[in-house]
Protein backbone atom coordinates (compact mmCIF):
# COMPACT_ATOMS: atom_id res chain seq x y z
CA MET A 1 7.15 -18.98 -0.53
CA GLU A 2 6.69 -16.90 -3.99
CA GLN A 3 5.73 -13.54 -3.36
CA GLU A 4 2.65 -12.48 -4.76
CA ARG A 5 1.48 -9.03 -6.09
CA VAL A 6 -1.85 -7.25 -4.87
CA ASP A 7 -3.58 -4.64 -6.74
CA ILE A 8 -5.32 -1.94 -4.33
CA LYS A 9 -7.81 0.58 -5.49
CA THR A 10 -7.73 3.35 -2.58
CA PRO A 11 -11.06 5.42 -1.79
CA GLU A 12 -9.59 8.07 -4.01
CA TYR A 13 -9.78 6.01 -6.75
CA VAL A 14 -5.85 5.62 -6.92
CA SER A 15 -4.43 2.15 -8.22
CA LEU A 16 -1.60 0.91 -6.21
CA GLN A 17 0.36 -2.27 -6.80
CA PHE A 18 2.06 -3.99 -3.61
CA GLN A 19 4.20 -6.98 -3.22
CA THR A 20 2.98 -9.09 -0.45
CA ALA A 21 5.32 -10.50 2.31
CA GLY A 22 5.43 -14.14 2.57
CA LEU A 23 6.26 -16.46 5.21
CA GLY A 24 10.41 -16.19 4.76
CA SER A 25 10.42 -12.20 5.25
CA ARG A 26 8.12 -12.10 7.86
CA ALA A 27 9.88 -15.16 9.94
CA ILE A 28 13.04 -13.25 9.66
CA ALA A 29 11.62 -10.10 11.08
CA MET A 30 10.17 -11.85 13.92
CA ILE A 31 13.40 -13.84 14.54
CA ILE A 32 14.95 -10.20 14.87
CA ASP A 33 12.31 -8.61 16.62
CA GLN A 34 12.13 -11.59 19.19
CA PHE A 35 16.16 -11.53 19.78
CA ILE A 36 15.53 -7.91 20.61
CA LEU A 37 12.62 -8.89 23.24
CA SER A 38 14.63 -11.64 24.51
CA VAL A 39 17.60 -9.60 25.60
CA VAL A 40 15.36 -6.99 26.98
CA ASN A 41 13.42 -9.61 28.89
CA ILE A 42 16.66 -11.21 30.30
CA PHE A 43 17.55 -7.68 31.75
CA ILE A 44 14.21 -6.99 33.28
CA PHE A 45 14.51 -10.45 34.83
CA ILE A 46 18.07 -9.90 36.26
CA ALA A 47 17.09 -6.29 37.40
CA LEU A 48 13.75 -6.88 39.26
CA PHE A 49 15.06 -9.86 41.02
CA LEU A 50 17.98 -8.14 42.00
CA ILE A 51 15.78 -5.39 43.48
CA ALA A 52 13.43 -7.95 44.83
CA ASP A 53 15.93 -9.57 46.78
CA LYS A 54 16.43 -6.52 48.98
CA MET A 55 12.85 -5.42 49.03
CA PHE A 56 10.86 -8.78 49.55
CA THR A 57 11.75 -11.34 51.87
CA GLY A 58 10.41 -14.98 52.51
CA ASP A 59 8.46 -16.71 49.86
CA SER A 60 6.60 -13.64 48.30
CA LEU A 61 5.28 -14.03 44.78
CA TRP A 62 5.01 -10.23 44.49
CA PRO A 63 8.59 -10.19 42.36
CA LEU A 64 7.39 -13.16 39.70
CA ALA A 65 4.03 -11.26 39.48
CA ILE A 66 5.57 -7.82 38.51
CA VAL A 67 8.11 -9.70 36.07
CA ILE A 68 5.24 -11.47 34.32
CA ILE A 69 2.94 -8.36 34.11
CA LEU A 70 6.07 -6.47 32.83
CA VAL A 71 7.23 -8.64 30.44
CA PHE A 72 3.72 -9.21 28.95
CA PHE A 73 3.32 -5.30 28.62
CA ILE A 74 6.63 -4.96 27.07
CA ASN A 75 6.41 -7.85 24.39
CA TRP A 76 2.76 -6.78 23.32
CA GLY A 77 3.47 -3.16 23.45
CA TYR A 78 6.56 -3.32 21.51
CA PHE A 79 4.76 -4.42 18.50
CA PHE A 80 1.66 -2.24 19.00
CA ILE A 81 3.52 1.04 19.65
CA ALA A 82 6.35 0.32 16.75
CA GLU A 83 3.75 -0.33 13.93
CA SER A 84 1.10 2.31 15.17
CA PHE A 85 3.80 5.22 15.33
CA PHE A 86 6.69 4.07 13.00
CA GLY A 87 5.11 3.47 9.58
CA GLY A 88 3.70 -0.09 10.27
CA LYS A 89 7.43 -1.09 11.23
CA THR A 90 8.91 -2.87 13.80
CA ILE A 91 13.05 -3.06 14.09
CA GLY A 92 12.71 -6.41 12.39
CA LYS A 93 10.23 -5.34 9.78
CA HIS A 94 12.40 -2.31 8.82
CA VAL A 95 15.64 -4.68 8.62
CA THR A 96 13.81 -6.95 6.17
CA GLY A 97 12.00 -3.98 4.21
CA ILE A 98 8.37 -5.09 4.99
CA ARG A 99 5.56 -2.86 6.83
CA VAL A 100 1.99 -3.05 7.71
CA ILE A 101 -0.85 -1.32 5.91
CA GLN A 102 -4.42 -1.02 5.71
CA GLU A 103 -5.70 -3.11 3.04
CA ASN A 104 -7.13 0.10 1.29
CA GLY A 105 -3.59 1.20 0.83
CA HIS A 106 -3.96 3.64 3.78
CA GLY A 107 -1.27 3.72 6.61
CA LEU A 108 -1.57 1.55 9.73
CA THR A 109 -4.24 3.01 12.25
CA ILE A 110 -3.85 2.67 15.76
CA LEU A 111 -7.11 0.51 16.02
CA SER A 112 -5.82 -1.72 13.40
CA SER A 113 -2.67 -1.95 15.20
CA PHE A 114 -4.47 -2.90 18.41
CA ILE A 115 -6.58 -5.36 17.17
CA ARG A 116 -4.04 -7.37 14.84
CA ASN A 117 -1.58 -7.34 17.72
CA LEU A 118 -4.30 -8.22 20.58
CA LEU A 119 -4.87 -11.46 18.25
CA ARG A 120 -1.40 -12.18 18.09
CA MET A 121 -1.78 -14.00 21.43
CA ILE A 122 -4.19 -16.56 19.55
CA ASP A 123 -1.77 -16.38 16.47
CA MET A 124 0.91 -18.06 18.80
CA LEU A 125 -0.80 -20.78 19.90
CA PRO A 126 -0.10 -23.39 20.27
CA SER A 127 3.59 -22.40 20.38
CA GLY A 128 5.76 -20.97 18.19
CA TYR A 129 3.18 -19.34 16.06
CA PHE A 130 1.86 -22.42 14.76
CA ILE A 131 -1.55 -20.67 14.02
CA GLY A 132 -0.24 -17.65 12.74
CA ILE A 133 2.39 -19.65 10.42
CA MET A 134 -0.55 -21.87 9.18
CA PHE A 135 -2.79 -18.82 8.07
CA VAL A 136 0.44 -17.02 6.40
CA PHE A 137 1.10 -19.78 4.58
CA PHE A 138 -2.20 -20.93 3.07
CA HIS A 139 -3.87 -17.27 2.90
CA SER A 140 -4.06 -15.97 -0.51
CA LYS A 141 -2.39 -12.52 0.66
CA HIS A 142 -0.41 -14.33 3.39
CA LYS A 143 -2.46 -12.89 6.27
CA ARG A 144 -2.19 -14.11 9.62
CA LEU A 145 -5.52 -14.28 11.89
CA GLY A 146 -4.76 -10.91 13.29
CA ASP A 147 -4.35 -9.21 9.86
CA ILE A 148 -7.88 -10.83 8.37
CA THR A 149 -9.65 -9.57 11.55
CA ALA A 150 -7.79 -6.06 11.63
CA GLY A 151 -8.35 -5.58 7.84
CA THR A 152 -4.32 -5.22 7.24
CA ILE A 153 -1.90 -6.63 5.13
CA VAL A 154 2.08 -6.86 5.20
CA VAL A 155 3.91 -5.87 2.31
CA HIS A 156 7.36 -5.04 0.71
CA GLU A 157 8.25 -1.67 0.83
CA ARG A 158 8.39 0.27 -2.77
CA SER A 159 12.09 1.46 -3.02
CA ALA A 160 12.26 5.23 -3.60
CA LYS A 161 15.43 4.89 -5.18
CA ARG A 162 14.42 3.19 -8.34
CA LYS A 163 12.68 5.96 -10.61
CA LYS A 164 11.03 4.71 -13.73
CA LYS A 165 12.21 6.98 -16.63
CA PRO A 166 9.36 9.01 -17.89
CA THR A 167 7.56 7.61 -21.05
CA ALA A 168 7.47 9.65 -24.14
CA LEU A 169 3.73 10.26 -23.25
CA GLU A 170 4.53 11.64 -19.81
CA LYS A 171 7.14 13.67 -21.18
CA GLU A 172 4.51 15.35 -23.72
CA ILE A 173 2.12 15.89 -21.05
CA GLN A 174 4.69 17.55 -18.71
CA ALA A 175 6.09 19.68 -21.45
CA ARG A 176 2.52 21.02 -21.98
CA GLY A 177 1.95 21.58 -18.46
CA LEU A 178 -1.10 19.37 -18.41
CA THR A 179 -2.89 17.80 -15.16
CA ALA A 180 -6.26 15.94 -14.96
CA ASP A 181 -7.56 19.09 -13.49
CA SER A 182 -6.72 21.30 -16.79
CA LEU A 183 -10.21 20.79 -17.98
CA ALA A 184 -13.50 20.68 -16.41
CA ILE A 185 -15.55 17.87 -17.90
CA ALA A 186 -19.21 16.98 -16.43
CA GLU A 187 -19.48 14.00 -14.81
CA TRP A 188 -22.21 12.41 -17.10
CA GLY A 189 -19.53 13.21 -19.85
CA LEU A 190 -17.01 10.90 -18.13
CA ASN A 191 -19.34 8.35 -17.63
CA ALA A 192 -20.30 8.42 -21.17
CA ILE A 193 -16.91 6.93 -21.92
CA GLY A 194 -17.08 3.32 -22.62
CA THR A 195 -14.39 0.38 -23.11
CA LYS A 196 -14.26 1.19 -26.98
CA GLU A 197 -13.82 5.04 -26.48
CA TRP A 198 -11.37 4.32 -23.68
CA HIS A 199 -9.03 2.30 -25.67
CA LEU A 200 -9.60 4.65 -28.60
CA ILE A 201 -8.18 7.62 -26.22
CA LYS A 202 -5.41 5.39 -24.80
CA THR A 203 -4.19 4.11 -28.28
CA TYR A 204 -4.23 7.89 -29.75
CA CYS A 205 -2.25 9.31 -26.63
CA LEU A 206 0.38 6.67 -26.76
CA ARG A 207 0.92 7.01 -30.24
CA LEU A 208 0.76 10.94 -30.31
CA PRO A 209 4.48 11.69 -29.51
CA ASP A 210 5.51 9.61 -32.34
CA LEU A 211 3.57 11.00 -35.13
CA GLN A 212 4.45 13.46 -37.67
CA SER A 213 2.91 17.04 -37.72
CA ALA A 214 0.48 16.19 -40.70
CA GLU A 215 -0.48 12.56 -39.44
CA ARG A 216 -0.96 14.00 -35.88
CA LYS A 217 -3.30 16.55 -37.15
CA GLN A 218 -5.23 14.01 -39.19
CA LEU A 219 -5.55 11.60 -36.52
CA THR A 220 -6.38 14.38 -33.70
CA GLU A 221 -9.43 15.43 -35.44
CA GLN A 222 -10.69 11.82 -36.28
CA VAL A 223 -10.48 10.95 -32.49
CA ALA A 224 -11.76 14.12 -31.49
CA SER A 225 -14.84 13.97 -33.86
CA ILE A 226 -15.69 10.35 -32.22
CA ILE A 227 -15.13 11.47 -28.83
CA PHE A 228 -16.14 15.08 -28.27
CA PRO A 229 -19.94 14.75 -29.00
CA LYS A 230 -19.99 11.96 -26.27
CA ILE A 231 -18.81 14.22 -23.43
CA GLY A 232 -20.80 17.20 -24.81
CA LEU A 233 -17.78 19.12 -26.15
CA ASP A 234 -17.69 21.17 -29.26
CA LEU A 235 -15.20 20.63 -32.04
CA LYS A 236 -15.58 24.07 -33.59
CA LYS A 237 -13.38 27.10 -33.09
CA LYS A 238 -10.81 24.84 -31.40
CA THR A 239 -7.27 24.70 -32.65
CA ASN A 240 -5.31 21.50 -33.22
CA ASP A 241 -3.18 22.11 -30.15
CA GLU A 242 -6.59 22.61 -28.10
CA LEU A 243 -8.14 19.43 -29.39
CA GLU A 244 -4.77 17.53 -28.42
CA ASN A 245 -4.72 19.03 -25.07
CA THR A 246 -8.51 18.23 -24.25
CA LEU A 247 -7.81 14.44 -25.52
CA LEU A 248 -4.53 14.15 -23.24
CA VAL A 249 -6.56 15.75 -20.46
CA LEU A 250 -9.22 13.18 -20.92
CA TYR A 251 -6.83 10.39 -20.74
CA LEU A 252 -5.39 11.40 -17.57
CA LYS A 253 -9.02 11.92 -15.72
CA LEU A 254 -9.76 8.44 -16.99
CA LYS A 255 -6.34 6.70 -16.87
CA ASP A 256 -6.51 5.52 -12.96
CA GLU A 257 -10.09 3.90 -12.98
CA TRP A 258 -9.73 2.38 -16.43
CA GLU A 259 -6.31 1.03 -15.93
CA PHE A 260 -7.39 -0.50 -12.72
CA ALA A 261 -10.66 -1.95 -13.92
CA ARG A 262 -8.62 -3.65 -17.32
């Protein structure tokens, strides 16, 4: 099934984009996990029945009861413990490069892991994960019932090896040592920025690294004369570098919220 991307805005107003894990990658991960569990279950059956042969006599059902309980806790506990304490990944998910996260972009919590894996018993019905497969196939974010209930989503891990080359604007901002906290602007000032002002600031900042000094100075003054009065800043007694820095910092402050809303 075709993989899709989902945009998530975290409670910290940071925009994240993930590629949802479809039926294929999740099925491969499940096959790997089930193979591991099958091998463990076989050893448990053999070991317990060898022990039971010496400890129990007659038609005692204790060996079978112990095996059933132990197998249940190992099969359920494997997914719960692995996802809770190993970054939302079982061995199968690690091999296929997928993981479980909260729908708000945060890491998987113990409670969410408990809920999604408790509902696994329903997703497995009537056999072979039929209900779970149907939900993953038809849900817009490829969620099974456990994911819907727990507020989780399975995504492909973003590769840390592939680093994007910094853009000309990013190099400019880094060279100046600017961050979003380099300038304090009142909340009402930021709220005064509308769509037109944002596009003006964004266009100005993207063009800035490519402009010659005379053209840069003229454009900076023009943009500053439009933006500064709206956010309560005075143009007077500011050098051209200070005007540029202020507009660049303003871009950094507004970027996440406006880029996500766009």
